[in-house]
Amino acid sequence: SGFRGTTMLGSEHNDIFETRTTINPSQKQIRTRTNFSGGIQGGIS
């Protein structure tokens, strides 16, 4: 979100985690609904 993120509330900016089913129904992925973090959190992808 860069500098634009400074105008957003924390409740707006937080990327909420959710579980998604992959092609294999027995496997699931943890992803985020939004990506204001730009794919990096705490210095780690």
PDB file of all heavy atoms in Angstrom:
ATOM      1  N   SER A   1       0.824  -1.219   0.000  1.00  0.00           N
ATOM      2  CA  SER A   1       0.000   0.000   0.000  1.00  0.00           C
ATOM      3  C   SER A   1       0.851   1.259   0.000  1.00  0.00           C
ATOM      4  O   SER A   1       0.364   2.343  -0.329  1.00  0.00           O
ATOM      5  CB  SER A   1      -0.917   0.005   1.225  1.00  0.00           C
ATOM      6  OG  SER A   1      -0.145  -0.005   2.415  1.00  0.00           O
ATOM      7  N   GLY A   2       2.129   1.139   0.396  1.00  0.00           N
ATOM      8  CA  GLY A   2       3.033   2.281   0.364  1.00  0.00           C
ATOM      9  C   GLY A   2       2.523   3.466   1.163  1.00  0.00           C
ATOM     10  O   GLY A   2       1.927   3.321   2.229  1.00  0.00           O
ATOM     11  N   PHE A   3       2.738   4.664   0.600  1.00  0.00           N
ATOM     12  CA  PHE A   3       2.327   5.883   1.304  1.00  0.00           C
ATOM     13  C   PHE A   3       0.807   5.981   1.415  1.00  0.00           C
ATOM     14  O   PHE A   3       0.285   6.595   2.346  1.00  0.00           O
ATOM     15  CB  PHE A   3       2.893   7.116   0.595  1.00  0.00           C
ATOM     16  CG  PHE A   3       4.373   7.273   0.780  1.00  0.00           C
ATOM     17  CD1 PHE A   3       5.265   6.865  -0.200  1.00  0.00           C
ATOM     18  CD2 PHE A   3       4.891   7.812   1.950  1.00  0.00           C
ATOM     19  CE1 PHE A   3       6.628   6.990  -0.021  1.00  0.00           C
ATOM     20  CE2 PHE A   3       6.258   7.947   2.139  1.00  0.00           C
ATOM     21  CZ  PHE A   3       7.136   7.527   1.144  1.00  0.00           C
ATOM     22  N   ARG A   4       0.092   5.369   0.482  1.00  0.00           N
ATOM     23  CA  ARG A   4      -1.375   5.393   0.554  1.00  0.00           C
ATOM     24  C   ARG A   4      -1.860   4.704   1.817  1.00  0.00           C
ATOM     25  O   ARG A   4      -2.921   5.040   2.371  1.00  0.00           O
ATOM     26  CB  ARG A   4      -1.964   4.715  -0.692  1.00  0.00           C
ATOM     27  CG  ARG A   4      -3.487   4.785  -0.785  1.00  0.00           C
ATOM     28  CD  ARG A   4      -3.960   4.285  -2.141  1.00  0.00           C
ATOM     29  NE  ARG A   4      -3.631   2.882  -2.347  1.00  0.00           N
ATOM     30  CZ  ARG A   4      -4.419   1.865  -2.000  1.00  0.00           C
ATOM     31  NH1 ARG A   4      -5.577   2.094  -1.407  1.00  0.00           N
ATOM     32  NH2 ARG A   4      -4.059   0.619  -2.256  1.00  0.00           N
ATOM     33  N   GLY A   5      -1.080   3.736   2.305  1.00  0.00           N
ATOM     34  CA  GLY A   5      -1.468   3.013   3.507  1.00  0.00           C
ATOM     35  C   GLY A   5      -1.527   3.889   4.745  1.00  0.00           C
ATOM     36  O   GLY A   5      -2.178   3.525   5.735  1.00  0.00           O
ATOM     37  N   THR A   6      -0.862   5.052   4.702  1.00  0.00           N
ATOM     38  CA  THR A   6      -0.887   5.950   5.864  1.00  0.00           C
ATOM     39  C   THR A   6      -2.258   6.586   6.066  1.00  0.00           C
ATOM     40  O   THR A   6      -2.539   7.112   7.144  1.00  0.00           O
ATOM     41  CB  THR A   6       0.159   7.066   5.705  1.00  0.00           C
ATOM     42  OG1 THR A   6      -0.177   7.893   4.586  1.00  0.00           O
ATOM     43  CG2 THR A   6       1.546   6.483   5.502  1.00  0.00           C
ATOM     44  N   THR A   7      -3.106   6.534   5.059  1.00  0.00           N
ATOM     45  CA  THR A   7      -4.438   7.138   5.164  1.00  0.00           C
ATOM     46  C   THR A   7      -5.494   6.109   5.574  1.00  0.00           C
ATOM     47  O   THR A   7      -6.664   6.460   5.736  1.00  0.00           O
ATOM     48  CB  THR A   7      -4.847   7.770   3.828  1.00  0.00           C
ATOM     49  OG1 THR A   7      -5.016   6.748   2.836  1.00  0.00           O
ATOM     50  CG2 THR A   7      -3.790   8.756   3.350  1.00  0.00           C
ATOM     51  N   MET A   8      -5.093   4.851   5.727  1.00  0.00           N
ATOM     52  CA  MET A   8      -6.040   3.787   6.028  1.00  0.00           C
ATOM     53  C   MET A   8      -6.024   3.444   7.513  1.00  0.00           C
ATOM     54  O   MET A   8      -4.970   3.504   8.170  1.00  0.00           O
ATOM     55  CB  MET A   8      -5.691   2.526   5.208  1.00  0.00           C
ATOM     56  CG  MET A   8      -5.681   2.747   3.711  1.00  0.00           C
ATOM     57  SD  MET A   8      -5.024   1.312   2.801  1.00  0.00           S
ATOM     58  CE  MET A   8      -6.310   0.088   3.120  1.00  0.00           C
ATOM     59  N   LEU A   9      -7.181   3.084   8.048  1.00  0.00           N
ATOM     60  CA  LEU A   9      -7.273   2.588   9.413  1.00  0.00           C
ATOM     61  C   LEU A   9      -6.671   1.183   9.483  1.00  0.00           C
ATOM     62  O   LEU A   9      -6.623   0.464   8.473  1.00  0.00           O
ATOM     63  CB  LEU A   9      -8.732   2.554   9.868  1.00  0.00           C
ATOM     64  CG  LEU A   9      -9.462   3.901   9.933  1.00  0.00           C
ATOM     65  CD1 LEU A   9     -10.944   3.678  10.203  1.00  0.00           C
ATOM     66  CD2 LEU A   9      -8.839   4.797  10.996  1.00  0.00           C
ATOM     67  N   GLY A  10      -6.238   0.803  10.682  1.00  0.00           N
ATOM     68  CA  GLY A  10      -5.698  -0.538  10.847  1.00  0.00           C
ATOM     69  C   GLY A  10      -6.698  -1.610  10.468  1.00  0.00           C
ATOM     70  O   GLY A  10      -6.343  -2.646   9.890  1.00  0.00           O
ATOM     71  N   SER A  11      -7.968  -1.367  10.776  1.00  0.00           N
ATOM     72  CA  SER A  11      -9.010  -2.335  10.444  1.00  0.00           C
ATOM     73  C   SER A  11      -9.207  -2.470   8.944  1.00  0.00           C
ATOM     74  O   SER A  11      -9.693  -3.497   8.452  1.00  0.00           O
ATOM     75  CB  SER A  11     -10.332  -1.913  11.096  1.00  0.00           C
ATOM     76  OG  SER A  11     -10.684  -0.589  10.699  1.00  0.00           O
ATOM     77  N   GLU A  12      -8.830  -1.429   8.186  1.00  0.00           N
ATOM     78  CA  GLU A  12      -8.921  -1.480   6.730  1.00  0.00           C
ATOM     79  C   GLU A  12      -7.668  -2.100   6.112  1.00  0.00           C
ATOM     80  O   GLU A  12      -7.741  -2.788   5.097  1.00  0.00           O
ATOM     81  CB  GLU A  12      -9.088  -0.062   6.166  1.00  0.00           C
ATOM     82  CG  GLU A  12     -10.357   0.651   6.607  1.00  0.00           C
ATOM     83  CD  GLU A  12     -10.365   2.110   6.186  1.00  0.00           C
ATOM     84  OE1 GLU A  12      -9.347   2.805   6.396  1.00  0.00           O
ATOM     85  OE2 GLU A  12     -11.399   2.543   5.640  1.00  0.00           O
ATOM     86  N   HIS A  13      -6.539  -1.834   6.755  1.00  0.00           N
ATOM     87  CA  HIS A  13      -5.267  -2.212   6.162  1.00  0.00           C
ATOM     88  C   HIS A  13      -4.863  -3.654   6.463  1.00  0.00           C
ATOM     89  O   HIS A  13      -4.144  -4.278   5.671  1.00  0.00           O
ATOM     90  CB  HIS A  13      -4.161  -1.263   6.640  1.00  0.00           C
ATOM     91  CG  HIS A  13      -2.881  -1.358   5.874  1.00  0.00           C
ATOM     92  ND1 HIS A  13      -1.916  -2.301   6.156  1.00  0.00           N
ATOM     93  CD2 HIS A  13      -2.423  -0.632   4.819  1.00  0.00           C
ATOM     94  CE1 HIS A  13      -0.903  -2.148   5.310  1.00  0.00           C
ATOM     95  NE2 HIS A  13      -1.186  -1.149   4.497  1.00  0.00           N
ATOM     96  N   ASN A  14      -5.315  -4.206   7.578  1.00  0.00           N
ATOM     97  CA  ASN A  14      -4.923  -5.569   7.933  1.00  0.00           C
ATOM     98  C   ASN A  14      -5.375  -6.567   6.874  1.00  0.00           C
ATOM     99  O   ASN A  14      -6.548  -6.584   6.476  1.00  0.00           O
ATOM    100  CB  ASN A  14      -5.523  -5.964   9.288  1.00  0.00           C
ATOM    101  CG  ASN A  14      -4.795  -5.317  10.443  1.00  0.00           C
ATOM    102  OD1 ASN A  14      -3.694  -4.793  10.274  1.00  0.00           O
ATOM    103  ND2 ASN A  14      -5.404  -5.351  11.622  1.00  0.00           N
ATOM    104  N   ASP A  15      -4.439  -7.408   6.416  1.00  0.00           N
ATOM    105  CA  ASP A  15      -4.764  -8.457   5.447  1.00  0.00           C
ATOM    106  C   ASP A  15      -5.267  -9.679   6.213  1.00  0.00           C
ATOM    107  O   ASP A  15      -4.487 -10.354   6.903  1.00  0.00           O
ATOM    108  CB  ASP A  15      -3.526  -8.824   4.622  1.00  0.00           C
ATOM    109  CG  ASP A  15      -3.051  -7.677   3.739  1.00  0.00           C
ATOM    110  OD1 ASP A  15      -3.911  -7.025   3.129  1.00  0.00           O
ATOM    111  OD2 ASP A  15      -1.832  -7.442   3.656  1.00  0.00           O
ATOM    112  N   ILE A  16      -6.574  -9.947   6.099  1.00  0.00           N
ATOM    113  CA  ILE A  16      -7.202 -11.030   6.864  1.00  0.00           C
ATOM    114  C   ILE A  16      -6.827 -12.385   6.259  1.00  0.00           C
ATOM    115  O   ILE A  16      -6.936 -12.598   5.047  1.00  0.00           O
ATOM    116  CB  ILE A  16      -8.738 -10.873   6.873  1.00  0.00           C
ATOM    117  CG1 ILE A  16      -9.120  -9.500   7.452  1.00  0.00           C
ATOM    118  CG2 ILE A  16      -9.382 -12.001   7.668  1.00  0.00           C
ATOM    119  CD1 ILE A  16      -8.634  -9.261   8.855  1.00  0.00           C
ATOM    120  N   PHE A  17      -6.383 -13.308   7.121  1.00  0.00           N
ATOM    121  CA  PHE A  17      -6.044 -14.655   6.663  1.00  0.00           C
ATOM    122  C   PHE A  17      -7.307 -15.491   6.478  1.00  0.00           C
ATOM    123  O   PHE A  17      -8.297 -15.350   7.206  1.00  0.00           O
ATOM    124  CB  PHE A  17      -5.119 -15.348   7.676  1.00  0.00           C
ATOM    125  CG  PHE A  17      -3.728 -14.788   7.696  1.00  0.00           C
ATOM    126  CD1 PHE A  17      -3.330 -13.951   8.731  1.00  0.00           C
ATOM    127  CD2 PHE A  17      -2.825 -15.093   6.694  1.00  0.00           C
ATOM    128  CE1 PHE A  17      -2.048 -13.432   8.770  1.00  0.00           C
ATOM    129  CE2 PHE A  17      -1.544 -14.574   6.722  1.00  0.00           C
ATOM    130  CZ  PHE A  17      -1.146 -13.739   7.754  1.00  0.00           C
ATOM    131  N   GLU A  18      -7.255 -16.385   5.506  1.00  0.00           N
ATOM    132  CA  GLU A  18      -8.344 -17.329   5.285  1.00  0.00           C
ATOM    133  C   GLU A  18      -7.768 -18.606   4.686  1.00  0.00           C
ATOM    134  O   GLU A  18      -6.661 -18.614   4.135  1.00  0.00           O
ATOM    135  CB  GLU A  18      -9.411 -16.738   4.361  1.00  0.00           C
ATOM    136  CG  GLU A  18      -8.908 -16.387   2.968  1.00  0.00           C
ATOM    137  CD  GLU A  18      -9.978 -15.728   2.128  1.00  0.00           C
ATOM    138  OE1 GLU A  18     -11.003 -15.319   2.679  1.00  0.00           O
ATOM    139  OE2 GLU A  18      -9.776 -15.643   0.897  1.00  0.00           O
ATOM    140  N   THR A  19      -8.521 -19.678   4.794  1.00  0.00           N
ATOM    141  CA  THR A  19      -8.095 -20.971   4.261  1.00  0.00           C
ATOM    142  C   THR A  19      -8.816 -21.222   2.937  1.00  0.00           C
ATOM    143  O   THR A  19     -10.031 -21.049   2.836  1.00  0.00           O
ATOM    144  CB  THR A  19      -8.402 -22.105   5.245  1.00  0.00           C
ATOM    145  OG1 THR A  19      -7.737 -21.836   6.482  1.00  0.00           O
ATOM    146  CG2 THR A  19      -7.923 -23.436   4.705  1.00  0.00           C
ATOM    147  N   ARG A  20      -8.034 -21.618   1.934  1.00  0.00           N
ATOM    148  CA  ARG A  20      -8.610 -21.891   0.616  1.00  0.00           C
ATOM    149  C   ARG A  20      -8.303 -23.329   0.210  1.00  0.00           C
ATOM    150  O   ARG A  20      -7.221 -23.849   0.479  1.00  0.00           O
ATOM    151  CB  ARG A  20      -8.036 -20.942  -0.433  1.00  0.00           C
ATOM    152  CG  ARG A  20      -8.327 -19.471  -0.157  1.00  0.00           C
ATOM    153  CD  ARG A  20      -7.750 -18.607  -1.246  1.00  0.00           C
ATOM    154  NE  ARG A  20      -7.771 -17.185  -0.887  1.00  0.00           N
ATOM    155  CZ  ARG A  20      -7.220 -16.227  -1.618  1.00  0.00           C
ATOM    156  NH1 ARG A  20      -6.624 -16.531  -2.763  1.00  0.00           N
ATOM    157  NH2 ARG A  20      -7.267 -14.968  -1.215  1.00  0.00           N
ATOM    158  N   THR A  21      -9.245 -23.925  -0.456  1.00  0.00           N
ATOM    159  CA  THR A  21      -9.062 -25.288  -0.950  1.00  0.00           C
ATOM    160  C   THR A  21      -8.293 -25.240  -2.267  1.00  0.00           C
ATOM    161  O   THR A  21      -8.550 -24.392  -3.124  1.00  0.00           O
ATOM    162  CB  THR A  21     -10.414 -25.975  -1.166  1.00  0.00           C
ATOM    163  OG1 THR A  21     -11.133 -25.977   0.069  1.00  0.00           O
ATOM    164  CG2 THR A  21     -10.234 -27.407  -1.655  1.00  0.00           C
ATOM    165  N   THR A  22      -7.340 -26.130  -2.439  1.00  0.00           N
ATOM    166  CA  THR A  22      -6.553 -26.189  -3.662  1.00  0.00           C
ATOM    167  C   THR A  22      -7.192 -27.159  -4.646  1.00  0.00           C
ATOM    168  O   THR A  22      -8.308 -27.641  -4.430  1.00  0.00           O
ATOM    169  CB  THR A  22      -5.115 -26.636  -3.346  1.00  0.00           C
ATOM    170  OG1 THR A  22      -5.150 -27.965  -2.804  1.00  0.00           O
ATOM    171  CG2 THR A  22      -4.478 -25.699  -2.326  1.00  0.00           C
ATOM    172  N   ILE A  23      -6.496 -27.450  -5.721  1.00  0.00           N
ATOM    173  CA  ILE A  23      -7.001 -28.410  -6.710  1.00  0.00           C
ATOM    174  C   ILE A  23      -7.236 -29.763  -6.058  1.00  0.00           C
ATOM    175  O   ILE A  23      -8.187 -30.466  -6.366  1.00  0.00           O
ATOM    176  CB  ILE A  23      -5.995 -28.543  -7.885  1.00  0.00           C
ATOM    177  CG1 ILE A  23      -5.866 -27.205  -8.610  1.00  0.00           C
ATOM    178  CG2 ILE A  23      -6.439 -29.627  -8.856  1.00  0.00           C
ATOM    179  CD1 ILE A  23      -4.825 -27.203  -9.718  1.00  0.00           C
ATOM    180  N   ASN A  24      -6.371 -30.099  -5.124  1.00  0.00           N
ATOM    181  CA  ASN A  24      -6.538 -31.325  -4.347  1.00  0.00           C
ATOM    182  C   ASN A  24      -7.390 -31.002  -3.119  1.00  0.00           C
ATOM    183  O   ASN A  24      -6.951 -30.275  -2.235  1.00  0.00           O
ATOM    184  CB  ASN A  24      -5.170 -31.862  -3.921  1.00  0.00           C
ATOM    185  CG  ASN A  24      -5.283 -33.205  -3.197  1.00  0.00           C
ATOM    186  OD1 ASN A  24      -6.359 -33.613  -2.766  1.00  0.00           O
ATOM    187  ND2 ASN A  24      -4.143 -33.878  -3.063  1.00  0.00           N
ATOM    188  N   PRO A  25      -8.633 -31.489  -3.056  1.00  0.00           N
ATOM    189  CA  PRO A  25      -9.539 -31.140  -1.943  1.00  0.00           C
ATOM    190  C   PRO A  25      -8.977 -31.454  -0.566  1.00  0.00           C
ATOM    191  O   PRO A  25      -9.378 -30.842   0.429  1.00  0.00           O
ATOM    192  CB  PRO A  25     -10.792 -31.986  -2.237  1.00  0.00           C
ATOM    193  CG  PRO A  25     -10.718 -32.271  -3.704  1.00  0.00           C
ATOM    194  CD  PRO A  25      -9.258 -32.407  -4.009  1.00  0.00           C
ATOM    195  N   SER A  26      -8.043 -32.389  -0.478  1.00  0.00           N
ATOM    196  CA  SER A  26      -7.489 -32.760   0.822  1.00  0.00           C
ATOM    197  C   SER A  26      -6.414 -31.779   1.293  1.00  0.00           C
ATOM    198  O   SER A  26      -5.965 -31.850   2.435  1.00  0.00           O
ATOM    199  CB  SER A  26      -6.894 -34.175   0.765  1.00  0.00           C
ATOM    200  OG  SER A  26      -5.798 -34.224  -0.145  1.00  0.00           O
ATOM    201  N   GLN A  27      -5.998 -30.874   0.389  1.00  0.00           N
ATOM    202  CA  GLN A  27      -4.981 -29.886   0.735  1.00  0.00           C
ATOM    203  C   GLN A  27      -5.603 -28.499   0.789  1.00  0.00           C
ATOM    204  O   GLN A  27      -6.483 -28.179   0.013  1.00  0.00           O
ATOM    205  CB  GLN A  27      -3.834 -29.898  -0.281  1.00  0.00           C
ATOM    206  CG  GLN A  27      -3.041 -31.200  -0.293  1.00  0.00           C
ATOM    207  CD  GLN A  27      -1.910 -31.146  -1.309  1.00  0.00           C
ATOM    208  OE1 GLN A  27      -1.920 -30.336  -2.217  1.00  0.00           O
ATOM    209  NE2 GLN A  27      -0.936 -32.014  -1.129  1.00  0.00           N
ATOM    210  N   LYS A  28      -5.132 -27.699   1.717  1.00  0.00           N
ATOM    211  CA  LYS A  28      -5.641 -26.337   1.849  1.00  0.00           C
ATOM    212  C   LYS A  28      -4.475 -25.364   1.978  1.00  0.00           C
ATOM    213  O   LYS A  28      -3.392 -25.717   2.444  1.00  0.00           O
ATOM    214  CB  LYS A  28      -6.579 -26.215   3.049  1.00  0.00           C
ATOM    215  CG  LYS A  28      -7.867 -27.010   2.888  1.00  0.00           C
ATOM    216  CD  LYS A  28      -8.809 -26.781   4.061  1.00  0.00           C
ATOM    217  CE  LYS A  28     -10.112 -27.544   3.850  1.00  0.00           C
ATOM    218  NZ  LYS A  28     -11.075 -27.329   4.961  1.00  0.00           N
ATOM    219  N   GLN A  29      -4.715 -24.134   1.544  1.00  0.00           N
ATOM    220  CA  GLN A  29      -3.707 -23.092   1.638  1.00  0.00           C
ATOM    221  C   GLN A  29      -4.187 -21.974   2.542  1.00  0.00           C
ATOM    222  O   GLN A  29      -5.377 -21.664   2.569  1.00  0.00           O
ATOM    223  CB  GLN A  29      -3.418 -22.485   0.245  1.00  0.00           C
ATOM    224  CG  GLN A  29      -2.573 -23.340  -0.663  1.00  0.00           C
ATOM    225  CD  GLN A  29      -2.281 -22.600  -1.959  1.00  0.00           C
ATOM    226  OE1 GLN A  29      -3.064 -21.764  -2.406  1.00  0.00           O
ATOM    227  NE2 GLN A  29      -1.149 -22.899  -2.574  1.00  0.00           N
ATOM    228  N   ILE A  30      -3.264 -21.375   3.268  1.00  0.00           N
ATOM    229  CA  ILE A  30      -3.566 -20.169   4.036  1.00  0.00           C
ATOM    230  C   ILE A  30      -3.163 -18.977   3.184  1.00  0.00           C
ATOM    231  O   ILE A  30      -2.008 -18.844   2.786  1.00  0.00           O
ATOM    232  CB  ILE A  30      -2.812 -20.153   5.383  1.00  0.00           C
ATOM    233  CG1 ILE A  30      -3.294 -21.313   6.266  1.00  0.00           C
ATOM    234  CG2 ILE A  30      -3.015 -18.819   6.092  1.00  0.00           C
ATOM    235  CD1 ILE A  30      -2.557 -21.425   7.583  1.00  0.00           C
ATOM    236  N   ARG A  31      -4.129 -18.124   2.872  1.00  0.00           N
ATOM    237  CA  ARG A  31      -3.891 -16.947   2.033  1.00  0.00           C
ATOM    238  C   ARG A  31      -4.494 -15.720   2.713  1.00  0.00           C
ATOM    239  O   ARG A  31      -5.091 -15.821   3.792  1.00  0.00           O
ATOM    240  CB  ARG A  31      -4.547 -17.135   0.641  1.00  0.00           C
ATOM    241  CG  ARG A  31      -4.068 -18.366  -0.121  1.00  0.00           C
ATOM    242  CD  ARG A  31      -2.625 -18.221  -0.577  1.00  0.00           C
ATOM    243  NE  ARG A  31      -2.446 -17.081  -1.450  1.00  0.00           N
ATOM    244  CZ  ARG A  31      -2.607 -17.128  -2.779  1.00  0.00           C
ATOM    245  NH1 ARG A  31      -2.973 -18.260  -3.367  1.00  0.00           N
ATOM    246  NH2 ARG A  31      -2.402 -16.052  -3.526  1.00  0.00           N
ATOM    247  N   THR A  32      -4.337 -14.563   2.102  1.00  0.00           N
ATOM    248  CA  THR A  32      -4.956 -13.352   2.640  1.00  0.00           C
ATOM    249  C   THR A  32      -5.994 -12.825   1.659  1.00  0.00           C
ATOM    250  O   THR A  32      -5.835 -12.957   0.444  1.00  0.00           O
ATOM    251  CB  THR A  32      -3.899 -12.257   2.910  1.00  0.00           C
ATOM    252  OG1 THR A  32      -3.228 -11.924   1.692  1.00  0.00           O
ATOM    253  CG2 THR A  32      -2.885 -12.728   3.937  1.00  0.00           C
ATOM    254  N   ARG A  33      -7.054 -12.220   2.197  1.00  0.00           N
ATOM    255  CA  ARG A  33      -8.131 -11.699   1.353  1.00  0.00           C
ATOM    256  C   ARG A  33      -7.651 -10.501   0.527  1.00  0.00           C
ATOM    257  O   ARG A  33      -8.045 -10.312  -0.615  1.00  0.00           O
ATOM    258  CB  ARG A  33      -9.322 -11.278   2.218  1.00  0.00           C
ATOM    259  CG  ARG A  33     -10.023 -12.404   2.923  1.00  0.00           C
ATOM    260  CD  ARG A  33     -11.164 -11.854   3.787  1.00  0.00           C
ATOM    261  NE  ARG A  33     -11.742 -12.893   4.637  1.00  0.00           N
ATOM    262  CZ  ARG A  33     -12.644 -12.655   5.576  1.00  0.00           C
ATOM    263  NH1 ARG A  33     -13.068 -11.412   5.795  1.00  0.00           N
ATOM    264  NH2 ARG A  33     -13.113 -13.647   6.308  1.00  0.00           N
ATOM    265  N   THR A  34      -6.854  -9.673   1.164  1.00  0.00           N
ATOM    266  CA  THR A  34      -6.302  -8.496   0.491  1.00  0.00           C
ATOM    267  C   THR A  34      -4.777  -8.604   0.521  1.00  0.00           C
ATOM    268  O   THR A  34      -4.220  -9.538   1.108  1.00  0.00           O
ATOM    269  CB  THR A  34      -6.735  -7.208   1.208  1.00  0.00           C
ATOM    270  OG1 THR A  34      -6.377  -7.307   2.602  1.00  0.00           O
ATOM    271  CG2 THR A  34      -8.241  -6.997   1.084  1.00  0.00           C
ATOM    272  N   ASN A  35      -4.108  -7.668  -0.123  1.00  0.00           N
ATOM    273  CA  ASN A  35      -2.645  -7.731  -0.161  1.00  0.00           C
ATOM    274  C   ASN A  35      -2.031  -6.346   0.002  1.00  0.00           C
ATOM    275  O   ASN A  35      -1.162  -5.943  -0.769  1.00  0.00           O
ATOM    276  CB  ASN A  35      -2.171  -8.374  -1.479  1.00  0.00           C
ATOM    277  CG  ASN A  35      -0.682  -8.703  -1.459  1.00  0.00           C
ATOM    278  OD1 ASN A  35      -0.051  -8.762  -0.404  1.00  0.00           O
ATOM    279  ND2 ASN A  35      -0.108  -8.899  -2.638  1.00  0.00           N
ATOM    280  N   PHE A  36      -2.495  -5.622   1.011  1.00  0.00           N
ATOM    281  CA  PHE A  36      -1.907  -4.318   1.299  1.00  0.00           C
ATOM    282  C   PHE A  36      -0.451  -4.462   1.771  1.00  0.00           C
ATOM    283  O   PHE A  36       0.330  -3.525   1.684  1.00  0.00           O
ATOM    284  CB  PHE A  36      -2.727  -3.578   2.348  1.00  0.00           C
ATOM    285  CG  PHE A  36      -4.123  -3.253   1.892  1.00  0.00           C
ATOM    286  CD1 PHE A  36      -5.232  -3.750   2.564  1.00  0.00           C
ATOM    287  CD2 PHE A  36      -4.332  -2.451   0.773  1.00  0.00           C
ATOM    288  CE1 PHE A  36      -6.522  -3.453   2.141  1.00  0.00           C
ATOM    289  CE2 PHE A  36      -5.615  -2.148   0.346  1.00  0.00           C
ATOM    290  CZ  PHE A  36      -6.719  -2.650   1.031  1.00  0.00           C
ATOM    291  N   SER A  37      -0.103  -5.660   2.272  1.00  0.00           N
ATOM    292  CA  SER A  37       1.257  -5.905   2.732  1.00  0.00           C
ATOM    293  C   SER A  37       2.242  -6.028   1.578  1.00  0.00           C
ATOM    294  O   SER A  37       3.463  -6.040   1.805  1.00  0.00           O
ATOM    295  CB  SER A  37       1.318  -7.187   3.573  1.00  0.00           C
ATOM    296  OG  SER A  37       0.511  -7.073   4.725  1.00  0.00           O
ATOM    297  N   GLY A  38       1.737  -6.165   0.368  1.00  0.00           N
ATOM    298  CA  GLY A  38       2.617  -6.302  -0.782  1.00  0.00           C
ATOM    299  C   GLY A  38       3.381  -7.609  -0.793  1.00  0.00           C
ATOM    300  O   GLY A  38       4.483  -7.694  -1.338  1.00  0.00           O
ATOM    301  N   GLY A  39       2.814  -8.641  -0.198  1.00  0.00           N
ATOM    302  CA  GLY A  39       3.427  -9.962  -0.226  1.00  0.00           C
ATOM    303  C   GLY A  39       4.545 -10.156   0.778  1.00  0.00           C
ATOM    304  O   GLY A  39       5.215 -11.194   0.767  1.00  0.00           O
ATOM    305  N   ILE A  40       4.760  -9.173   1.659  1.00  0.00           N
ATOM    306  CA  ILE A  40       5.850  -9.261   2.631  1.00  0.00           C
ATOM    307  C   ILE A  40       5.327  -8.823   3.996  1.00  0.00           C
ATOM    308  O   ILE A  40       4.739  -7.757   4.132  1.00  0.00           O
ATOM    309  CB  ILE A  40       7.036  -8.352   2.239  1.00  0.00           C
ATOM    310  CG1 ILE A  40       7.526  -8.685   0.828  1.00  0.00           C
ATOM    311  CG2 ILE A  40       8.175  -8.497   3.243  1.00  0.00           C
ATOM    312  CD1 ILE A  40       8.553  -7.706   0.294  1.00  0.00           C
ATOM    313  N   GLN A  41       5.562  -9.653   4.995  1.00  0.00           N
ATOM    314  CA  GLN A  41       5.173  -9.311   6.362  1.00  0.00           C
ATOM    315  C   GLN A  41       6.324  -9.666   7.301  1.00  0.00           C
ATOM    316  O   GLN A  41       6.858 -10.772   7.242  1.00  0.00           O
ATOM    317  CB  GLN A  41       3.898 -10.058   6.769  1.00  0.00           C
ATOM    318  CG  GLN A  41       2.669  -9.609   5.983  1.00  0.00           C
ATOM    319  CD  GLN A  41       1.428 -10.424   6.288  1.00  0.00           C
ATOM    320  OE1 GLN A  41       1.514 -11.626   6.460  1.00  0.00           O
ATOM    321  NE2 GLN A  41       0.287  -9.751   6.354  1.00  0.00           N
ATOM    322  N   GLY A  42       6.732  -8.712   8.129  1.00  0.00           N
ATOM    323  CA  GLY A  42       7.850  -8.937   9.029  1.00  0.00           C
ATOM    324  C   GLY A  42       9.162  -9.166   8.308  1.00  0.00           C
ATOM    325  O   GLY A  42      10.076  -9.799   8.843  1.00  0.00           O
ATOM    326  N   GLY A  43       9.257  -8.649   7.091  1.00  0.00           N
ATOM    327  CA  GLY A  43      10.483  -8.811   6.318  1.00  0.00           C
ATOM    328  C   GLY A  43      10.584 -10.115   5.562  1.00  0.00           C
ATOM    329  O   GLY A  43      11.602 -10.382   4.919  1.00  0.00           O
ATOM    330  N   ILE A  44       9.525 -10.935   5.624  1.00  0.00           N
ATOM    331  CA  ILE A  44       9.536 -12.272   5.025  1.00  0.00           C
ATOM    332  C   ILE A  44       8.328 -12.422   4.106  1.00  0.00           C
ATOM    333  O   ILE A  44       7.223 -11.958   4.418  1.00  0.00           O
ATOM    334  CB  ILE A  44       9.502 -13.356   6.127  1.00  0.00           C
ATOM    335  CG1 ILE A  44      10.721 -13.193   7.052  1.00  0.00           C
ATOM    336  CG2 ILE A  44       9.458 -14.747   5.538  1.00  0.00           C
ATOM    337  CD1 ILE A  44      10.685 -14.080   8.279  1.00  0.00           C
ATOM    338  N   SER A  45       8.518 -13.058   2.954  1.00  0.00           N
ATOM    339  CA  SER A  45       7.419 -13.249   2.010  1.00  0.00           C
ATOM    340  C   SER A  45       6.326 -14.109   2.630  1.00  0.00           C
ATOM    341  O   SER A  45       6.602 -15.030   3.399  1.00  0.00           O
ATOM    342  CB  SER A  45       7.928 -13.899   0.721  1.00  0.00           C
ATOM    343  OG  SER A  45       8.489 -15.180   0.994  1.00  0.00           O
TER     344      SER A  45
END
